[in-house]
PDB file of N, CA and C in Angstrom:
ATOM      1  N   UNK A   1       3.282   6.624  29.365  1.00  0.00           N
ATOM      2  CA  UNK A   1       4.709   6.841  29.198  1.00  0.00           C
ATOM      3  C   UNK A   1       5.333   6.956  30.577  1.00  0.00           C
ATOM      4  N   UNK A   2       6.432   6.228  30.805  1.00  0.00           N
ATOM      5  CA  UNK A   2       7.101   6.222  32.093  1.00  0.00           C
ATOM      6  C   UNK A   2       7.910   7.482  32.350  1.00  0.00           C
ATOM      7  N   UNK A   3       8.303   7.631  33.590  1.00  0.00           N
ATOM      8  CA  UNK A   3       9.102   8.765  34.019  1.00  0.00           C
ATOM      9  C   UNK A   3      10.505   8.645  33.434  1.00  0.00           C
ATOM     10  N   UNK A   4      11.034   9.758  32.988  1.00  0.00           N
ATOM     11  CA  UNK A   4      12.373   9.784  32.414  1.00  0.00           C
ATOM     12  C   UNK A   4      13.395   9.828  33.543  1.00  0.00           C
ATOM     13  N   UNK A   5      14.429   9.012  33.474  1.00  0.00           N
ATOM     14  CA  UNK A   5      15.490   8.970  34.475  1.00  0.00           C
ATOM     15  C   UNK A   5      16.526  10.037  34.132  1.00  0.00           C
ATOM     16  N   UNK A   6      16.388  11.216  34.731  1.00  0.00           N
ATOM     17  CA  UNK A   6      17.262  12.345  34.418  1.00  0.00           C
ATOM     18  C   UNK A   6      18.713  12.031  34.712  1.00  0.00           C
ATOM     19  N   UNK A   7      18.989  11.395  35.833  1.00  0.00           N
ATOM     20  CA  UNK A   7      20.368  11.083  36.204  1.00  0.00           C
ATOM     21  C   UNK A   7      21.029  10.195  35.141  1.00  0.00           C
ATOM     22  N   UNK A   8      20.299   9.199  34.660  1.00  0.00           N
ATOM     23  CA  UNK A   8      20.833   8.320  33.612  1.00  0.00           C
ATOM     24  C   UNK A   8      21.085   9.110  32.324  1.00  0.00           C
ATOM     25  N   UNK A   9      20.143   9.975  31.955  1.00  0.00           N
ATOM     26  CA  UNK A   9      20.322  10.775  30.744  1.00  0.00           C
ATOM     27  C   UNK A   9      21.537  11.691  30.847  1.00  0.00           C
ATOM     28  N   UNK A  10      21.739  12.292  31.995  1.00  0.00           N
ATOM     29  CA  UNK A  10      22.912  13.150  32.186  1.00  0.00           C
ATOM     30  C   UNK A  10      24.190  12.333  31.998  1.00  0.00           C
ATOM     31  N   UNK A  11      24.225  11.135  32.561  1.00  0.00           N
ATOM     32  CA  UNK A  11      25.396  10.268  32.408  1.00  0.00           C
ATOM     33  C   UNK A  11      25.641   9.912  30.941  1.00  0.00           C
ATOM     34  N   UNK A  12      24.583   9.580  30.221  1.00  0.00           N
ATOM     35  CA  UNK A  12      24.720   9.233  28.801  1.00  0.00           C
ATOM     36  C   UNK A  12      25.276  10.415  28.019  1.00  0.00           C
ATOM     37  N   UNK A  13      24.668  11.600  28.211  1.00  0.00           N
ATOM     38  CA  UNK A  13      25.132  12.775  27.456  1.00  0.00           C
ATOM     39  C   UNK A  13      26.537  13.194  27.859  1.00  0.00           C
ATOM     40  N   UNK A  14      26.896  13.048  29.131  1.00  0.00           N
ATOM     41  CA  UNK A  14      28.270  13.351  29.532  1.00  0.00           C
ATOM     42  C   UNK A  14      29.247  12.435  28.811  1.00  0.00           C
ATOM     43  N   UNK A  15      28.925  11.166  28.763  1.00  0.00           N
ATOM     44  CA  UNK A  15      29.798  10.195  28.099  1.00  0.00           C
ATOM     45  C   UNK A  15      29.947  10.529  26.609  1.00  0.00           C
ATOM     46  N   UNK A  16      28.875  10.958  25.982  1.00  0.00           N
ATOM     47  CA  UNK A  16      28.898  11.264  24.553  1.00  0.00           C
ATOM     48  C   UNK A  16      29.587  12.592  24.267  1.00  0.00           C
ATOM     49  N   UNK A  17      29.301  13.621  25.066  1.00  0.00           N
ATOM     50  CA  UNK A  17      29.702  14.981  24.706  1.00  0.00           C
ATOM     51  C   UNK A  17      30.938  15.538  25.417  1.00  0.00           C
ATOM     52  N   UNK A  18      31.295  15.016  26.592  1.00  0.00           N
ATOM     53  CA  UNK A  18      32.441  15.593  27.292  1.00  0.00           C
ATOM     54  C   UNK A  18      33.723  15.589  26.463  1.00  0.00           C
ATOM     55  N   UNK A  19      34.017  14.519  25.726  1.00  0.00           N
ATOM     56  CA  UNK A  19      35.249  14.545  24.922  1.00  0.00           C
ATOM     57  C   UNK A  19      35.279  15.671  23.881  1.00  0.00           C
ATOM     58  N   UNK A  20      34.104  16.130  23.451  1.00  0.00           N
ATOM     59  CA  UNK A  20      34.051  17.166  22.415  1.00  0.00           C
ATOM     60  C   UNK A  20      34.249  18.562  22.986  1.00  0.00           C
ATOM     61  N   UNK A  21      34.054  18.720  24.294  1.00  0.00           N
ATOM     62  CA  UNK A  21      34.203  20.029  24.907  1.00  0.00           C
ATOM     63  C   UNK A  21      33.065  20.985  24.600  1.00  0.00           C
ATOM     64  N   UNK A  22      31.925  20.480  24.158  1.00  0.00           N
ATOM     65  CA  UNK A  22      30.784  21.326  23.806  1.00  0.00           C
ATOM     66  C   UNK A  22      29.885  21.522  25.037  1.00  0.00           C
ATOM     67  N   UNK A  23      29.318  22.704  25.163  1.00  0.00           N
ATOM     68  CA  UNK A  23      28.318  22.963  26.198  1.00  0.00           C
ATOM     69  C   UNK A  23      26.984  22.406  25.723  1.00  0.00           C
ATOM     70  N   UNK A  24      26.145  21.992  26.670  1.00  0.00           N
ATOM     71  CA  UNK A  24      24.866  21.414  26.287  1.00  0.00           C
ATOM     72  C   UNK A  24      23.825  21.607  27.383  1.00  0.00           C
ATOM     73  N   UNK A  25      22.566  21.533  26.957  1.00  0.00           N
ATOM     74  CA  UNK A  25      21.433  21.702  27.856  1.00  0.00           C
ATOM     75  C   UNK A  25      20.493  20.522  27.623  1.00  0.00           C
ATOM     76  N   UNK A  26      20.097  19.877  28.720  1.00  0.00           N
ATOM     77  CA  UNK A  26      19.212  18.718  28.659  1.00  0.00           C
ATOM     78  C   UNK A  26      17.808  19.118  29.098  1.00  0.00           C
ATOM     79  N   UNK A  27      16.823  18.689  28.316  1.00  0.00           N
ATOM     80  CA  UNK A  27      15.427  18.952  28.629  1.00  0.00           C
ATOM     81  C   UNK A  27      14.782  17.707  29.222  1.00  0.00           C
ATOM     82  N   UNK A  28      13.665  17.887  29.864  1.00  0.00           N
ATOM     83  CA  UNK A  28      13.007  16.874  30.687  1.00  0.00           C
ATOM     84  C   UNK A  28      12.789  15.523  30.004  1.00  0.00           C
ATOM     85  N   UNK A  29      12.468  15.493  28.734  1.00  0.00           N
ATOM     86  CA  UNK A  29      12.161  14.235  28.055  1.00  0.00           C
ATOM     87  C   UNK A  29      13.338  13.644  27.295  1.00  0.00           C
ATOM     88  N   UNK A  30      14.541  14.157  27.527  1.00  0.00           N
ATOM     89  CA  UNK A  30      15.733  13.554  26.932  1.00  0.00           C
ATOM     90  C   UNK A  30      16.322  14.297  25.763  1.00  0.00           C
ATOM     91  N   UNK A  31      15.743  15.421  25.396  1.00  0.00           N
ATOM     92  CA  UNK A  31      16.269  16.201  24.283  1.00  0.00           C
ATOM     93  C   UNK A  31      17.468  17.000  24.750  1.00  0.00           C
ATOM     94  N   UNK A  32      18.542  16.937  23.975  1.00  0.00           N
ATOM     95  CA  UNK A  32      19.772  17.651  24.276  1.00  0.00           C
ATOM     96  C   UNK A  32      20.007  18.689  23.184  1.00  0.00           C
ATOM     97  N   UNK A  33      20.285  19.924  23.601  1.00  0.00           N
ATOM     98  CA  UNK A  33      20.653  20.981  22.675  1.00  0.00           C
ATOM     99  C   UNK A  33      22.123  21.283  22.915  1.00  0.00           C
ATOM    100  N   UNK A  34      22.934  21.039  21.890  1.00  0.00           N
ATOM    101  CA  UNK A  34      24.365  21.316  21.975  1.00  0.00           C
ATOM    102  C   UNK A  34      24.610  22.763  21.553  1.00  0.00           C
ATOM    103  N   UNK A  35      25.440  23.443  22.313  1.00  0.00           N
ATOM    104  CA  UNK A  35      25.754  24.843  22.037  1.00  0.00           C
ATOM    105  C   UNK A  35      27.240  24.931  21.710  1.00  0.00           C
ATOM    106  N   UNK A  36      27.549  24.835  20.434  1.00  0.00           N
ATOM    107  CA  UNK A  36      28.943  24.797  19.993  1.00  0.00           C
ATOM    108  C   UNK A  36      29.628  26.147  20.076  1.00  0.00           C
ATOM    109  N   UNK A  37      28.843  27.227  20.023  1.00  0.00           N
ATOM    110  CA  UNK A  37      29.385  28.574  20.159  1.00  0.00           C
ATOM    111  C   UNK A  37      28.533  29.331  21.178  1.00  0.00           C
ATOM    112  N   UNK A  38      28.607  28.917  22.451  1.00  0.00           N
ATOM    113  CA  UNK A  38      27.748  29.535  23.457  1.00  0.00           C
ATOM    114  C   UNK A  38      28.106  31.004  23.674  1.00  0.00           C
ATOM    115  N   UNK A  39      27.076  31.781  23.927  1.00  0.00           N
ATOM    116  CA  UNK A  39      27.252  33.204  24.157  1.00  0.00           C
ATOM    117  C   UNK A  39      26.275  33.628  25.238  1.00  0.00           C
ATOM    118  N   UNK A  40      26.781  33.878  26.423  1.00  0.00           N
ATOM    119  CA  UNK A  40      25.909  34.298  27.512  1.00  0.00           C
ATOM    120  C   UNK A  40      25.285  33.129  28.237  1.00  0.00           C
ATOM    121  N   UNK A  41      24.020  33.280  28.581  1.00  0.00           N
ATOM    122  CA  UNK A  41      23.301  32.312  29.388  1.00  0.00           C
ATOM    123  C   UNK A  41      22.855  31.119  28.535  1.00  0.00           C
ATOM    124  N   UNK A  42      23.271  29.922  28.917  1.00  0.00           N
ATOM    125  CA  UNK A  42      23.057  28.726  28.099  1.00  0.00           C
ATOM    126  C   UNK A  42      21.592  28.276  28.046  1.00  0.00           C
ATOM    127  N   UNK A  43      20.902  28.322  29.168  1.00  0.00           N
ATOM    128  CA  UNK A  43      19.515  27.866  29.191  1.00  0.00           C
ATOM    129  C   UNK A  43      18.665  28.659  28.206  1.00  0.00           C
ATOM    130  N   UNK A  44      18.798  29.964  28.224  1.00  0.00           N
ATOM    131  CA  UNK A  44      18.019  30.809  27.316  1.00  0.00           C
ATOM    132  C   UNK A  44      18.306  30.517  25.860  1.00  0.00           C
ATOM    133  N   UNK A  45      19.581  30.301  25.527  1.00  0.00           N
ATOM    134  CA  UNK A  45      19.942  29.977  24.143  1.00  0.00           C
ATOM    135  C   UNK A  45      19.313  28.662  23.716  1.00  0.00           C
ATOM    136  N   UNK A  46      19.383  27.669  24.592  1.00  0.00           N
ATOM    137  CA  UNK A  46      18.833  26.351  24.264  1.00  0.00           C
ATOM    138  C   UNK A  46      17.320  26.408  24.115  1.00  0.00           C
ATOM    139  N   UNK A  47      16.655  27.161  24.969  1.00  0.00           N
ATOM    140  CA  UNK A  47      15.198  27.290  24.889  1.00  0.00           C
ATOM    141  C   UNK A  47      14.789  27.923  23.560  1.00  0.00           C
ATOM    142  N   UNK A  48      15.505  28.952  23.126  1.00  0.00           N
ATOM    143  CA  UNK A  48      15.196  29.602  21.846  1.00  0.00           C
ATOM    144  C   UNK A  48      15.311  28.598  20.699  1.00  0.00           C
ATOM    145  N   UNK A  49      16.387  27.805  20.708  1.00  0.00           N
ATOM    146  CA  UNK A  49      16.597  26.810  19.643  1.00  0.00           C
ATOM    147  C   UNK A  49      15.502  25.745  19.681  1.00  0.00           C
ATOM    148  N   UNK A  50      15.228  25.199  20.871  1.00  0.00           N
ATOM    149  CA  UNK A  50      14.257  24.110  20.955  1.00  0.00           C
ATOM    150  C   UNK A  50      12.833  24.594  20.704  1.00  0.00           C
ATOM    151  N   UNK A  51      12.544  25.822  21.076  1.00  0.00           N
ATOM    152  CA  UNK A  51      11.215  26.375  20.797  1.00  0.00           C
ATOM    153  C   UNK A  51      10.969  26.385  19.285  1.00  0.00           C
ATOM    154  N   UNK A  52      12.022  26.675  18.523  1.00  0.00           N
ATOM    155  CA  UNK A  52      11.881  26.728  17.062  1.00  0.00           C
ATOM    156  C   UNK A  52      11.979  25.347  16.417  1.00  0.00           C
ATOM    157  N   UNK A  53      12.916  24.513  16.888  1.00  0.00           N
ATOM    158  CA  UNK A  53      13.201  23.245  16.217  1.00  0.00           C
ATOM    159  C   UNK A  53      12.669  22.008  16.940  1.00  0.00           C
ATOM    160  N   UNK A  54      11.948  22.172  18.047  1.00  0.00           N
ATOM    161  CA  UNK A  54      11.441  21.027  18.787  1.00  0.00           C
ATOM    162  C   UNK A  54      10.077  20.543  18.356  1.00  0.00           C
ATOM    163  N   UNK A  55       9.093  21.440  18.306  1.00  0.00           N
ATOM    164  CA  UNK A  55       7.742  20.972  17.981  1.00  0.00           C
ATOM    165  C   UNK A  55       7.652  20.337  16.590  1.00  0.00           C
ATOM    166  N   UNK A  56       6.907  19.243  16.523  1.00  0.00           N
ATOM    167  CA  UNK A  56       6.717  18.529  15.260  1.00  0.00           C
ATOM    168  C   UNK A  56       5.557  19.182  14.517  1.00  0.00           C
ATOM    169  N   UNK A  57       5.813  19.511  13.266  1.00  0.00           N
ATOM    170  CA  UNK A  57       4.778  20.078  12.408  1.00  0.00           C
ATOM    171  C   UNK A  57       4.680  19.196  11.164  1.00  0.00           C
ATOM    172  N   UNK A  58       3.498  18.700  10.908  1.00  0.00           N
ATOM    173  CA  UNK A  58       3.295  17.789   9.777  1.00  0.00           C
ATOM    174  C   UNK A  58       3.603  18.487   8.451  1.00  0.00           C
ATOM    175  N   UNK A  59       4.119  17.714   7.511  1.00  0.00           N
ATOM    176  CA  UNK A  59       4.328  18.199   6.152  1.00  0.00           C
ATOM    177  C   UNK A  59       5.604  18.975   5.930  1.00  0.00           C
ATOM    178  N   UNK A  60       6.470  19.023   6.904  1.00  0.00           N
ATOM    179  CA  UNK A  60       7.715  19.763   6.739  1.00  0.00           C
ATOM    180  C   UNK A  60       8.877  19.015   7.358  1.00  0.00           C
ATOM    181  N   UNK A  61      10.047  19.643   7.399  1.00  0.00           N
ATOM    182  CA  UNK A  61      11.236  18.975   7.917  1.00  0.00           C
ATOM    183  C   UNK A  61      11.151  18.639   9.401  1.00  0.00           C
ATOM    184  N   UNK A  62      10.269  19.284  10.154  1.00  0.00           N
ATOM    185  CA  UNK A  62      10.141  18.999  11.588  1.00  0.00           C
ATOM    186  C   UNK A  62       9.634  17.578  11.841  1.00  0.00           C
ATOM    187  N   UNK A  63       9.030  16.950  10.845  1.00  0.00           N
ATOM    188  CA  UNK A  63       8.556  15.583  10.999  1.00  0.00           C
ATOM    189  C   UNK A  63       9.612  14.536  10.703  1.00  0.00           C
ATOM    190  N   UNK A  64      10.708  14.951  10.090  1.00  0.00           N
ATOM    191  CA  UNK A  64      11.773  14.023   9.715  1.00  0.00           C
ATOM    192  C   UNK A  64      12.621  13.641  10.929  1.00  0.00           C
ATOM    193  N   UNK A  65      13.226  12.460  10.854  1.00  0.00           N
ATOM    194  CA  UNK A  65      14.146  12.027  11.911  1.00  0.00           C
ATOM    195  C   UNK A  65      15.099  10.987  11.359  1.00  0.00           C
ATOM    196  N   UNK A  66      16.193  10.810  12.069  1.00  0.00           N
ATOM    197  CA  UNK A  66      17.157   9.752  11.789  1.00  0.00           C
ATOM    198  C   UNK A  66      17.482   9.073  13.108  1.00  0.00           C
ATOM    199  N   UNK A  67      17.906   7.813  13.055  1.00  0.00           N
ATOM    200  CA  UNK A  67      18.263   7.101  14.279  1.00  0.00           C
ATOM    201  C   UNK A  67      19.657   6.524  14.157  1.00  0.00           C
ATOM    202  N   UNK A  68      20.323   6.454  15.303  1.00  0.00           N
ATOM    203  CA  UNK A  68      21.646   5.835  15.372  1.00  0.00           C
ATOM    204  C   UNK A  68      21.758   5.110  16.706  1.00  0.00           C
ATOM    205  N   UNK A  69      22.064   3.825  16.644  1.00  0.00           N
ATOM    206  CA  UNK A  69      22.224   3.045  17.871  1.00  0.00           C
ATOM    207  C   UNK A  69      23.514   3.453  18.569  1.00  0.00           C
ATOM    208  N   UNK A  70      23.463   3.564  19.895  1.00  0.00           N
ATOM    209  CA  UNK A  70      24.668   3.830  20.668  1.00  0.00           C
ATOM    210  C   UNK A  70      25.522   2.569  20.677  1.00  0.00           C
ATOM    211  N   UNK A  71      26.806   2.738  20.541  1.00  0.00           N
ATOM    212  CA  UNK A  71      27.716   1.592  20.412  1.00  0.00           C
ATOM    213  C   UNK A  71      27.689   0.665  21.621  1.00  0.00           C
ATOM    214  N   UNK A  72      27.409   1.208  22.805  1.00  0.00           N
ATOM    215  CA  UNK A  72      27.431   0.380  24.008  1.00  0.00           C
ATOM    216  C   UNK A  72      26.091  -0.309  24.288  1.00  0.00           C
ATOM    217  N   UNK A  73      25.142  -0.180  23.352  1.00  0.00           N
ATOM    218  CA  UNK A  73      23.861  -0.852  23.489  1.00  0.00           C
ATOM    219  C   UNK A  73      22.909  -0.209  24.486  1.00  0.00           C
ATOM    220  N   UNK A  74      23.180   1.030  24.886  1.00  0.00           N
ATOM    221  CA  UNK A  74      22.342   1.683  25.892  1.00  0.00           C
ATOM    222  C   UNK A  74      21.227   2.529  25.295  1.00  0.00           C
ATOM    223  N   UNK A  75      20.928   2.321  24.024  1.00  0.00           N
ATOM    224  CA  UNK A  75      19.833   3.048  23.409  1.00  0.00           C
ATOM    225  C   UNK A  75      20.189   3.601  22.050  1.00  0.00           C
ATOM    226  N   UNK A  76      19.503   4.673  21.683  1.00  0.00           N
ATOM    227  CA  UNK A  76      19.666   5.283  20.365  1.00  0.00           C
ATOM    228  C   UNK A  76      19.712   6.800  20.495  1.00  0.00           C
ATOM    229  N   UNK A  77      20.278   7.441  19.502  1.00  0.00           N
ATOM    230  CA  UNK A  77      20.167   8.880  19.341  1.00  0.00           C
ATOM    231  C   UNK A  77      19.215   9.120  18.184  1.00  0.00           C
ATOM    232  N   UNK A  78      18.297  10.051  18.372  1.00  0.00           N
ATOM    233  CA  UNK A  78      17.327  10.391  17.332  1.00  0.00           C
ATOM    234  C   UNK A  78      17.554  11.851  16.952  1.00  0.00           C
ATOM    235  N   UNK A  79      17.876  12.047  15.680  1.00  0.00           N
ATOM    236  CA  UNK A  79      18.140  13.387  15.174  1.00  0.00           C
ATOM    237  C   UNK A  79      16.898  13.955  14.506  1.00  0.00           C
ATOM    238  N   UNK A  80      16.942  15.241  14.255  1.00  0.00           N
ATOM    239  CA  UNK A  80      15.842  15.909  13.584  1.00  0.00           C
ATOM    240  C   UNK A  80      16.374  16.882  12.560  1.00  0.00           C
ATOM    241  N   UNK A  81      15.676  17.978  12.361  1.00  0.00           N
ATOM    242  CA  UNK A  81      16.030  18.932  11.319  1.00  0.00           C
ATOM    243  C   UNK A  81      17.008  20.009  11.788  1.00  0.00           C
ATOM    244  N   UNK A  82      17.496  19.950  13.005  1.00  0.00           N
ATOM    245  CA  UNK A  82      18.565  20.835  13.475  1.00  0.00           C
ATOM    246  C   UNK A  82      19.702  19.938  13.943  1.00  0.00           C
ATOM    247  N   UNK A  83      20.914  20.127  13.428  1.00  0.00           N
ATOM    248  CA  UNK A  83      22.008  19.205  13.732  1.00  0.00           C
ATOM    249  C   UNK A  83      22.452  19.191  15.190  1.00  0.00           C
ATOM    250  N   UNK A  84      22.118  20.205  15.958  1.00  0.00           N
ATOM    251  CA  UNK A  84      22.562  20.276  17.348  1.00  0.00           C
ATOM    252  C   UNK A  84      21.451  19.983  18.351  1.00  0.00           C
ATOM    253  N   UNK A  85      20.363  19.401  17.873  1.00  0.00           N
ATOM    254  CA  UNK A  85      19.226  19.046  18.716  1.00  0.00           C
ATOM    255  C   UNK A  85      18.989  17.548  18.532  1.00  0.00           C
ATOM    256  N   UNK A  86      19.303  16.767  19.579  1.00  0.00           N
ATOM    257  CA  UNK A  86      19.281  15.304  19.484  1.00  0.00           C
ATOM    258  C   UNK A  86      18.596  14.731  20.723  1.00  0.00           C
ATOM    259  N   UNK A  87      17.855  13.651  20.530  1.00  0.00           N
ATOM    260  CA  UNK A  87      17.171  12.973  21.636  1.00  0.00           C
ATOM    261  C   UNK A  87      17.824  11.630  21.908  1.00  0.00           C
ATOM    262  N   UNK A  88      17.936  11.306  23.176  1.00  0.00           N
ATOM    263  CA  UNK A  88      18.409   9.987  23.584  1.00  0.00           C
ATOM    264  C   UNK A  88      17.181   9.142  23.927  1.00  0.00           C
ATOM    265  N   UNK A  89      17.095   7.968  23.327  1.00  0.00           N
ATOM    266  CA  UNK A  89      16.017   7.015  23.595  1.00  0.00           C
ATOM    267  C   UNK A  89      16.650   5.787  24.225  1.00  0.00           C
ATOM    268  N   UNK A  90      16.188   5.430  25.402  1.00  0.00           N
ATOM    269  CA  UNK A  90      16.736   4.277  26.115  1.00  0.00           C
ATOM    270  C   UNK A  90      16.294   2.959  25.508  1.00  0.00           C
ATOM    271  N   UNK A  91      17.025   1.888  25.797  1.00  0.00           N
ATOM    272  CA  UNK A  91      16.728   0.587  25.198  1.00  0.00           C
ATOM    273  C   UNK A  91      15.396  -0.004  25.641  1.00  0.00           C
ATOM    274  N   UNK A  92      14.862   0.450  26.753  1.00  0.00           N
ATOM    275  CA  UNK A  92      13.600  -0.090  27.259  1.00  0.00           C
ATOM    276  C   UNK A  92      12.403   0.814  26.962  1.00  0.00           C
ATOM    277  N   UNK A  93      12.606   1.894  26.215  1.00  0.00           N
ATOM    278  CA  UNK A  93      11.508   2.841  25.991  1.00  0.00           C
ATOM    279  C   UNK A  93      10.505   2.350  24.946  1.00  0.00           C
ATOM    280  N   UNK A  94      10.883   2.176  23.696  1.00  0.00           N
ATOM    281  CA  UNK A  94       9.875   1.642  22.776  1.00  0.00           C
ATOM    282  C   UNK A  94       9.872   0.115  22.865  1.00  0.00           C
ATOM    283  N   UNK A  95       8.674  -0.461  22.871  1.00  0.00           N
ATOM    284  CA  UNK A  95       8.581  -1.921  22.916  1.00  0.00           C
ATOM    285  C   UNK A  95       9.151  -2.536  21.637  1.00  0.00           C
ATOM    286  N   UNK A  96       9.036  -1.811  20.537  1.00  0.00           N
ATOM    287  CA  UNK A  96       9.527  -2.253  19.233  1.00  0.00           C
ATOM    288  C   UNK A  96      10.870  -1.555  18.973  1.00  0.00           C
ATOM    289  N   UNK A  97      11.969  -2.307  18.864  1.00  0.00           N
ATOM    290  CA  UNK A  97      13.277  -1.677  18.661  1.00  0.00           C
ATOM    291  C   UNK A  97      13.613  -1.356  17.200  1.00  0.00           C
ATOM    292  N   UNK A  98      12.616  -1.341  16.326  1.00  0.00           N
ATOM    293  CA  UNK A  98      12.893  -0.999  14.925  1.00  0.00           C
ATOM    294  C   UNK A  98      13.249   0.479  14.822  1.00  0.00           C
ATOM    295  N   UNK A  99      13.992   0.830  13.763  1.00  0.00           N
ATOM    296  CA  UNK A  99      14.378   2.233  13.579  1.00  0.00           C
ATOM    297  C   UNK A  99      13.150   3.141  13.492  1.00  0.00           C
ATOM    298  N   UNK A 100      12.092   2.668  12.846  1.00  0.00           N
ATOM    299  CA  UNK A 100      10.885   3.481  12.729  1.00  0.00           C
ATOM    300  C   UNK A 100      10.265   3.748  14.100  1.00  0.00           C
ATOM    301  N   UNK A 101      10.097   2.701  14.911  1.00  0.00           N
ATOM    302  CA  UNK A 101       9.483   2.869  16.234  1.00  0.00           C
ATOM    303  C   UNK A 101      10.352   3.750  17.133  1.00  0.00           C
ATOM    304  N   UNK A 102      11.657   3.535  17.104  1.00  0.00           N
ATOM    305  CA  UNK A 102      12.569   4.343  17.913  1.00  0.00           C
ATOM    306  C   UNK A 102      12.523   5.802  17.449  1.00  0.00           C
ATOM    307  N   UNK A 103      12.550   6.008  16.145  1.00  0.00           N
ATOM    308  CA  UNK A 103      12.509   7.363  15.601  1.00  0.00           C
ATOM    309  C   UNK A 103      11.227   8.095  15.945  1.00  0.00           C
ATOM    310  N   UNK A 104      10.101   7.411  15.824  1.00  0.00           N
ATOM    311  CA  UNK A 104       8.822   8.028  16.176  1.00  0.00           C
ATOM    312  C   UNK A 104       8.755   8.353  17.665  1.00  0.00           C
ATOM    313  N   UNK A 105       9.290   7.457  18.480  1.00  0.00           N
ATOM    314  CA  UNK A 105       9.315   7.690  19.922  1.00  0.00           C
ATOM    315  C   UNK A 105      10.190   8.911  20.245  1.00  0.00           C
ATOM    316  N   UNK A 106      11.379   8.963  19.652  1.00  0.00           N
ATOM    317  CA  UNK A 106      12.278  10.098  19.868  1.00  0.00           C
ATOM    318  C   UNK A 106      11.692  11.402  19.360  1.00  0.00           C
ATOM    319  N   UNK A 107      11.023  11.346  18.221  1.00  0.00           N
ATOM    320  CA  UNK A 107      10.383  12.542  17.670  1.00  0.00           C
ATOM    321  C   UNK A 107       9.283  13.033  18.615  1.00  0.00           C
ATOM    322  N   UNK A 108       8.555  12.108  19.218  1.00  0.00           N
ATOM    323  CA  UNK A 108       7.529  12.480  20.196  1.00  0.00           C
ATOM    324  C   UNK A 108       8.131  13.149  21.416  1.00  0.00           C
ATOM    325  N   UNK A 109       9.272  12.631  21.873  1.00  0.00           N
ATOM    326  CA  UNK A 109       9.963  13.247  23.006  1.00  0.00           C
ATOM    327  C   UNK A 109      10.447  14.644  22.635  1.00  0.00           C
ATOM    328  N   UNK A 110      10.939  14.810  21.404  1.00  0.00           N
ATOM    329  CA  UNK A 110      11.375  16.139  20.947  1.00  0.00           C
ATOM    330  C   UNK A 110      10.209  17.110  20.963  1.00  0.00           C
ATOM    331  N   UNK A 111       9.048  16.637  20.489  1.00  0.00           N
ATOM    332  CA  UNK A 111       7.877  17.504  20.461  1.00  0.00           C
ATOM    333  C   UNK A 111       7.496  17.941  21.877  1.00  0.00           C
ATOM    334  N   UNK A 112       7.463  16.993  22.816  1.00  0.00           N
ATOM    335  CA  UNK A 112       7.109  17.337  24.199  1.00  0.00           C
ATOM    336  C   UNK A 112       8.105  18.332  24.780  1.00  0.00           C
ATOM    337  N   UNK A 113       9.402  18.094  24.571  1.00  0.00           N
ATOM    338  CA  UNK A 113      10.406  19.027  25.083  1.00  0.00           C
ATOM    339  C   UNK A 113      10.302  20.381  24.391  1.00  0.00           C
ATOM    340  N   UNK A 114       9.972  20.397  23.111  1.00  0.00           N
ATOM    341  CA  UNK A 114       9.869  21.636  22.357  1.00  0.00           C
ATOM    342  C   UNK A 114       8.665  22.476  22.707  1.00  0.00           C
ATOM    343  N   UNK A 115       7.679  21.852  23.344  1.00  0.00           N
ATOM    344  CA  UNK A 115       6.502  22.612  23.764  1.00  0.00           C
ATOM    345  C   UNK A 115       6.511  22.874  25.269  1.00  0.00           C
ATOM    346  N   UNK A 116       7.079  21.954  26.063  1.00  0.00           N
ATOM    347  CA  UNK A 116       7.157  22.152  27.518  1.00  0.00           C
ATOM    348  C   UNK A 116       8.351  23.021  27.918  1.00  0.00           C
ATOM    349  N   UNK A 117       9.492  22.831  27.240  1.00  0.00           N
ATOM    350  CA  UNK A 117      10.706  23.626  27.445  1.00  0.00           C
ATOM    351  C   UNK A 117      11.178  23.630  28.897  1.00  0.00           C
ATOM    352  N   UNK A 118      11.210  22.448  29.518  1.00  0.00           N
ATOM    353  CA  UNK A 118      11.633  22.320  30.911  1.00  0.00           C
ATOM    354  C   UNK A 118      13.065  21.780  30.977  1.00  0.00           C
ATOM    355  N   UNK A 119      14.008  22.634  31.342  1.00  0.00           N
ATOM    356  CA  UNK A 119      15.428  22.275  31.429  1.00  0.00           C
ATOM    357  C   UNK A 119      15.688  21.527  32.737  1.00  0.00           C
ATOM    358  N   UNK A 120      16.449  20.411  32.637  1.00  0.00           N
ATOM    359  CA  UNK A 120      16.782  19.630  33.826  1.00  0.00           C
ATOM    360  C   UNK A 120      18.282  19.584  34.111  1.00  0.00           C
ATOM    361  N   UNK A 121      19.116  19.997  33.144  1.00  0.00           N
ATOM    362  CA  UNK A 121      20.565  19.972  33.366  1.00  0.00           C
ATOM    363  C   UNK A 121      21.253  20.899  32.373  1.00  0.00           C
ATOM    364  N   UNK A 122      22.293  21.589  32.846  1.00  0.00           N
ATOM    365  CA  UNK A 122      23.108  22.446  31.989  1.00  0.00           C
ATOM    366  C   UNK A 122      24.567  22.072  32.213  1.00  0.00           C
ATOM    367  N   UNK A 123      25.294  21.831  31.117  1.00  0.00           N
ATOM    368  CA  UNK A 123      26.725  21.535  31.180  1.00  0.00           C
ATOM    369  C   UNK A 123      27.467  22.633  30.433  1.00  0.00           C
ATOM    370  N   UNK A 124      28.134  23.484  31.183  1.00  0.00           N
ATOM    371  CA  UNK A 124      28.864  24.609  30.604  1.00  0.00           C
ATOM    372  C   UNK A 124      30.331  24.225  30.458  1.00  0.00           C
ATOM    373  N   UNK A 125      30.767  24.022  29.233  1.00  0.00           N
ATOM    374  CA  UNK A 125      32.146  23.577  28.961  1.00  0.00           C
ATOM    375  C   UNK A 125      33.072  24.737  28.600  1.00  0.00           C
ATOM    376  N   UNK A 126      32.610  25.960  28.781  1.00  0.00           N
ATOM    377  CA  UNK A 126      33.451  27.115  28.418  1.00  0.00           C
ATOM    378  C   UNK A 126      34.604  27.253  29.372  1.00  0.00           C
TER     379      UNK A 126
END
């Protein structure tokens, strides 16, 4: 698996989320935790959410995902079982651009972020 381009991911999430005015925290593998009602320190809040909703556990909702192509063709958003936890998958990441391959790839990134919990960017919109 190649190195994630943090600068590109920050640009993508800024483009998607700045109009909404929501605060957000980006994790190393592309997982974004949106904090619609932030209270206090954002990194800690995001870590608590991702620790619970990031790791994939077989046989339950943590294994589920949905995919949505970005309108500008720069990749996909992969959702999971928490509405404010979303992964960005770039167009060159999975060799197979099918929804299943993209979703599985994004779910894998969510799992890595949910177990590593390494924050690379915080956007405080308060």
